[in-house]
Amino acid sequence: MHNPEITNAIIKRIASLETRKGRRNEGLFKAEGTKCVLDTLPHFGLEALYATPEWLEAHPISDPEKASKAIPAGKGQLGKMTSMASAPEVTAIYRIPAEEPIPSPEGRLMLALDTIQDPGNLGTIIRVADWFGVTDILCSEETASCYSPKVVQATMGSISRVRLHYCPLAETLRALGPVNIYGTFLDGDDITRADIAPEGVIVIGNEGNGISPEVAETVTHRLFIPSWPEGRETGESLNAAIATAVTLAKFRGI
């Protein structure tokens, strides 16, 4: 642990990581709050960690290299680094990992996100994917950034175990070759009765518009999540993250 001066320039740089442009320019992202930091600290390259002296005393960092990057900070300084309603006790600054090749879908189940824009939805989808053993997610280039602080917070540490690949989604799905591509539609087959395989790609559509026409053309199996009981008046649609959980549960045999 060392104690360099935390200048206004440093605070401004960390605050800039709230934006996609700032993260891209710096090649960094941040995690805030005790649980989020402790869950992610072993898995990402640490640039710096800012925390109150009390937090540092209560949470000694075992890795000597990472411990050397821990910097004591006051609550006022931490408050200027965040957009959270109340200042966290700790903020970790990580290097954005290098992009990895998209793996073959053969023998695995993957998700594809078609313009998921709400950070809370995206974070929860990543958390759900982690729970159901999905390690790779294809994302349209319009999907929210997985390194947004709000997304990182909502993943509850799952960002450490799930890889997101941003790509031209329709083009990428077409290039996967012969693979089962599933999507949910109002005119699809009832998912509770449909014949589904344990591998392939599940497309999750935009919160308001669903799956785009271009991506829909790549779908080989159209599914429908029925309300219960059939014919009862319900809400217009399911939240994207909830639809993801229901669909993955079906694919995992639950």
Protein backbone atom coordinates (compact mmCIF):
# COMPACT_ATOMS: atom_id res chain seq x y z
CA MET A 1 0.00 0.00 0.00
CA HIS A 2 1.31 3.45 -0.86
CA ASN A 3 0.07 6.95 -0.36
CA PRO A 4 0.56 9.18 -3.43
CA GLU A 5 -1.40 12.36 -3.77
CA ILE A 6 -4.80 11.87 -5.36
CA THR A 7 -4.92 14.87 -7.66
CA ASN A 8 -7.91 16.42 -9.37
CA ALA A 9 -6.54 15.07 -12.66
CA ILE A 10 -6.62 11.52 -11.26
CA ILE A 11 -10.16 11.98 -9.96
CA LYS A 12 -11.27 13.39 -13.33
CA ARG A 13 -9.66 10.45 -15.15
CA ILE A 14 -11.47 7.92 -12.95
CA ALA A 15 -14.77 9.77 -13.28
CA SER A 16 -14.37 9.63 -17.09
CA LEU A 17 -14.68 5.84 -16.90
CA GLU A 18 -18.43 6.33 -16.46
CA THR A 19 -18.59 6.86 -20.25
CA ARG A 20 -17.93 4.44 -23.08
CA LYS A 21 -15.61 7.00 -24.71
CA GLY A 22 -13.66 7.44 -21.49
CA ARG A 23 -13.19 3.70 -21.05
CA ARG A 24 -12.11 3.31 -24.65
CA ASN A 25 -9.62 6.19 -24.43
CA GLU A 26 -8.08 4.95 -21.19
CA GLY A 27 -8.39 1.19 -21.78
CA LEU A 28 -9.73 0.95 -18.23
CA PHE A 29 -12.94 0.25 -16.33
CA LYS A 30 -13.92 0.45 -12.69
CA ALA A 31 -15.67 -1.67 -10.08
CA GLU A 32 -17.19 -0.05 -7.02
CA GLY A 33 -18.26 -1.30 -3.61
CA THR A 34 -16.95 -4.07 -1.39
CA LYS A 35 -18.68 -7.11 -2.93
CA CYS A 36 -18.08 -6.03 -6.51
CA VAL A 37 -14.39 -5.33 -5.89
CA LEU A 38 -13.70 -8.49 -3.89
CA ASP A 39 -15.44 -10.62 -6.56
CA THR A 40 -13.51 -9.08 -9.46
CA LEU A 41 -10.10 -8.40 -7.91
CA PRO A 42 -8.63 -11.88 -8.56
CA HIS A 43 -9.69 -11.90 -12.22
CA PHE A 44 -8.61 -8.60 -13.82
CA GLY A 45 -5.38 -6.69 -14.20
CA LEU A 46 -5.40 -4.04 -11.46
CA GLU A 47 -4.31 -0.52 -12.35
CA ALA A 48 -5.10 1.00 -8.95
CA LEU A 49 -7.39 0.54 -5.97
CA TYR A 50 -8.69 3.48 -3.95
CA ALA A 51 -10.27 2.81 -0.57
CA THR A 52 -10.78 4.30 2.85
CA PRO A 53 -8.07 3.37 5.39
CA GLU A 54 -10.73 1.47 7.36
CA TRP A 55 -11.62 -0.62 4.31
CA LEU A 56 -7.97 -1.42 3.60
CA GLU A 57 -7.44 -2.50 7.19
CA ALA A 58 -10.55 -4.73 7.14
CA HIS A 59 -9.77 -6.28 3.73
CA PRO A 60 -6.03 -7.03 3.41
CA ILE A 61 -5.05 -7.91 -0.17
CA SER A 62 -3.06 -11.16 -0.29
CA ASP A 63 -1.50 -10.61 -3.72
CA PRO A 64 1.62 -8.47 -3.05
CA GLU A 65 1.60 -6.88 -6.51
CA LYS A 66 -2.04 -5.85 -6.21
CA ALA A 67 -1.58 -4.79 -2.60
CA SER A 68 1.13 -2.38 -3.75
CA LYS A 69 -1.46 -0.59 -5.90
CA ALA A 70 -3.86 0.08 -3.01
CA ILE A 71 -4.14 3.80 -2.26
CA PRO A 72 -5.87 5.29 0.81
CA ALA A 73 -8.61 7.78 -0.11
CA GLY A 74 -11.16 9.84 1.76
CA LYS A 75 -14.91 9.41 1.30
CA GLY A 76 -15.02 12.85 -0.33
CA GLN A 77 -12.44 11.80 -2.92
CA LEU A 78 -14.23 8.51 -3.57
CA GLY A 79 -17.49 10.42 -3.96
CA LYS A 80 -15.99 12.52 -6.75
CA MET A 81 -14.95 9.36 -8.63
CA THR A 82 -18.46 7.87 -8.82
CA SER A 83 -21.97 8.55 -10.02
CA MET A 84 -23.43 6.38 -7.25
CA ALA A 85 -25.85 8.09 -4.88
CA SER A 86 -23.48 7.53 -1.96
CA ALA A 87 -19.73 7.18 -2.13
CA PRO A 88 -18.44 3.58 -2.03
CA GLU A 89 -15.71 2.64 0.43
CA VAL A 90 -13.60 1.18 -2.37
CA THR A 91 -13.13 1.65 -6.13
CA ALA A 92 -10.92 -0.63 -8.22
CA ILE A 93 -9.56 0.43 -11.61
CA TYR A 94 -8.91 -2.47 -13.98
CA ARG A 95 -7.39 -2.82 -17.43
CA ILE A 96 -9.96 -3.86 -20.05
CA PRO A 97 -8.98 -7.38 -21.17
CA ALA A 98 -7.93 -8.03 -24.75
CA GLU A 99 -10.74 -9.26 -26.99
CA GLU A 100 -10.85 -13.01 -27.41
CA PRO A 101 -11.89 -14.94 -30.54
CA ILE A 102 -15.51 -16.05 -30.71
CA PRO A 103 -15.52 -19.77 -29.89
CA SER A 104 -17.27 -22.40 -31.95
CA PRO A 105 -20.84 -22.99 -30.75
CA GLU A 106 -20.36 -26.72 -31.24
CA GLY A 107 -21.05 -28.56 -28.00
CA ARG A 108 -21.97 -25.43 -26.05
CA LEU A 109 -24.88 -23.09 -25.37
CA MET A 110 -24.34 -19.39 -26.08
CA LEU A 111 -26.39 -16.20 -25.87
CA ALA A 112 -26.69 -13.46 -28.49
CA LEU A 113 -27.93 -10.04 -27.41
CA ASP A 114 -29.64 -7.92 -30.06
CA THR A 115 -29.31 -4.32 -28.79
CA ILE A 116 -29.86 -4.77 -25.06
CA GLN A 117 -29.55 -1.16 -23.94
CA ASP A 118 -30.43 -1.03 -20.24
CA PRO A 119 -27.29 -1.53 -18.09
CA GLY A 120 -29.28 -3.24 -15.33
CA ASN A 121 -30.76 -5.71 -17.82
CA LEU A 122 -27.35 -6.46 -19.32
CA GLY A 123 -25.75 -6.96 -15.93
CA THR A 124 -28.52 -9.30 -14.83
CA ILE A 125 -28.33 -11.26 -18.10
CA ILE A 126 -24.59 -11.77 -17.52
CA ARG A 127 -25.34 -12.94 -13.97
CA VAL A 128 -28.03 -15.34 -15.23
CA ALA A 129 -25.72 -16.68 -17.94
CA ASP A 130 -23.04 -17.37 -15.34
CA TRP A 131 -25.57 -19.23 -13.15
CA PHE A 132 -26.62 -21.47 -16.04
CA GLY A 133 -23.09 -22.18 -17.24
CA VAL A 134 -23.07 -19.95 -20.33
CA THR A 135 -19.55 -18.55 -20.68
CA ASP A 136 -19.79 -16.66 -23.99
CA ILE A 137 -22.26 -13.99 -25.13
CA LEU A 138 -22.37 -12.43 -28.60
CA CYS A 139 -23.47 -8.78 -28.50
CA SER A 140 -24.59 -6.44 -31.23
CA GLU A 141 -22.41 -3.35 -31.44
CA GLU A 142 -25.40 -1.31 -30.16
CA THR A 143 -25.66 -3.33 -26.95
CA ALA A 144 -24.68 -1.50 -23.74
CA SER A 145 -21.03 -1.75 -22.74
CA CYS A 146 -20.33 -4.62 -20.37
CA TYR A 147 -17.72 -2.45 -18.64
CA SER A 148 -20.16 0.30 -17.71
CA PRO A 149 -19.98 0.70 -13.89
CA LYS A 150 -23.72 0.01 -13.63
CA VAL A 151 -23.37 -3.21 -15.65
CA VAL A 152 -20.33 -4.37 -13.66
CA GLN A 153 -22.25 -3.70 -10.42
CA ALA A 154 -25.33 -5.60 -11.63
CA THR A 155 -23.34 -8.71 -12.62
CA MET A 156 -22.48 -9.34 -8.94
CA GLY A 157 -19.04 -10.63 -9.96
CA SER A 158 -20.19 -12.71 -12.94
CA ILE A 159 -18.35 -10.37 -15.35
CA SER A 160 -15.26 -12.27 -14.17
CA ARG A 161 -16.46 -15.55 -15.67
CA VAL A 162 -18.52 -14.60 -18.74
CA ARG A 163 -16.90 -13.31 -21.96
CA LEU A 164 -18.79 -10.82 -24.12
CA HIS A 165 -17.97 -10.50 -27.82
CA TYR A 166 -19.16 -7.30 -29.56
CA CYS A 167 -19.69 -7.87 -33.27
CA PRO A 168 -21.97 -7.24 -36.27
CA LEU A 169 -24.52 -9.66 -34.84
CA ALA A 170 -26.50 -10.82 -37.89
CA GLU A 171 -23.33 -11.25 -39.94
CA THR A 172 -21.64 -13.16 -37.12
CA LEU A 173 -24.61 -15.49 -36.62
CA ARG A 174 -24.73 -16.25 -40.35
CA ALA A 175 -21.00 -17.07 -40.29
CA LEU A 176 -21.35 -19.65 -37.50
CA GLY A 177 -22.34 -22.30 -40.02
CA PRO A 178 -24.89 -25.05 -39.36
CA VAL A 179 -25.99 -24.32 -35.80
CA ASN A 180 -29.31 -24.13 -33.97
CA ILE A 181 -30.24 -20.47 -33.44
CA TYR A 182 -33.21 -19.89 -31.15
CA GLY A 183 -35.21 -16.74 -30.62
CA THR A 184 -38.40 -15.85 -28.76
CA PHE A 185 -41.34 -14.48 -30.76
CA LEU A 186 -45.08 -14.09 -30.20
CA ASP A 187 -45.71 -16.55 -33.06
CA GLY A 188 -43.13 -19.13 -31.94
CA ASP A 189 -43.55 -22.68 -30.67
CA ASP A 190 -44.49 -23.03 -27.00
CA ILE A 191 -41.14 -23.35 -25.22
CA THR A 192 -42.64 -25.74 -22.66
CA ARG A 193 -43.43 -28.24 -25.43
CA ALA A 194 -40.81 -27.44 -28.09
CA ASP A 195 -38.11 -29.90 -29.09
CA ILE A 196 -34.85 -28.13 -28.25
CA ALA A 197 -31.22 -29.23 -28.35
CA PRO A 198 -28.82 -28.64 -25.44
CA GLU A 199 -26.45 -26.61 -27.64
CA GLY A 200 -26.72 -23.65 -29.98
CA VAL A 201 -27.31 -19.91 -29.70
CA ILE A 202 -30.25 -18.21 -27.96
CA VAL A 203 -31.01 -14.70 -29.24
CA ILE A 204 -32.43 -12.17 -26.78
CA GLY A 205 -34.07 -9.13 -28.37
CA ASN A 206 -34.15 -5.44 -27.53
CA GLU A 207 -36.25 -4.36 -24.54
CA GLY A 208 -38.77 -2.44 -26.65
CA ASN A 209 -38.47 -3.77 -30.20
CA GLY A 210 -37.57 -7.41 -29.74
CA ILE A 211 -35.34 -9.17 -32.24
CA SER A 212 -34.49 -7.04 -35.27
CA PRO A 213 -35.60 -8.25 -38.73
CA GLU A 214 -32.01 -8.80 -39.89
CA VAL A 215 -31.15 -10.96 -36.88
CA ALA A 216 -34.55 -12.72 -37.04
CA GLU A 217 -33.61 -14.01 -40.50
CA THR A 218 -30.79 -16.05 -38.92
CA VAL A 219 -33.08 -17.72 -36.35
CA THR A 220 -33.74 -21.38 -37.13
CA HIS A 221 -36.14 -22.11 -34.23
CA ARG A 222 -38.80 -19.62 -33.13
CA LEU A 223 -39.96 -20.05 -29.53
CA PHE A 224 -42.71 -18.49 -27.44
CA ILE A 225 -42.81 -18.13 -23.64
CA PRO A 226 -46.49 -18.57 -22.69
CA SER A 227 -48.15 -16.77 -19.82
CA TRP A 228 -50.07 -18.79 -17.24
CA PRO A 229 -52.80 -19.82 -17.43
CA GLU A 230 -53.33 -19.59 -21.18
CA GLY A 231 -55.68 -16.79 -22.17
CA ARG A 232 -55.38 -14.82 -18.93
CA GLU A 233 -54.79 -11.08 -19.32
CA THR A 234 -51.19 -10.24 -18.39
CA GLY A 235 -48.52 -7.63 -18.99
CA GLU A 236 -47.46 -6.98 -22.57
CA SER A 237 -44.11 -8.79 -22.33
CA LEU A 238 -41.40 -10.10 -20.03
CA ASN A 239 -38.33 -8.10 -19.04
CA ALA A 240 -35.36 -9.19 -21.23
CA ALA A 241 -33.37 -10.50 -18.27
CA ILE A 242 -36.33 -12.50 -16.95
CA ALA A 243 -36.99 -13.93 -20.42
CA THR A 244 -33.33 -14.97 -20.54
CA ALA A 245 -33.64 -16.76 -17.20
CA VAL A 246 -36.84 -18.59 -18.22
CA THR A 247 -35.35 -19.65 -21.55
CA LEU A 248 -32.03 -20.83 -20.10
CA ALA A 249 -33.87 -22.76 -17.38
CA LYS A 250 -35.77 -24.63 -20.08
CA PHE A 251 -32.59 -25.38 -22.01
CA ARG A 252 -30.95 -26.68 -18.83
CA GLY A 253 -33.88 -29.01 -18.18
CA ILE A 254 -35.39 -27.15 -15.23
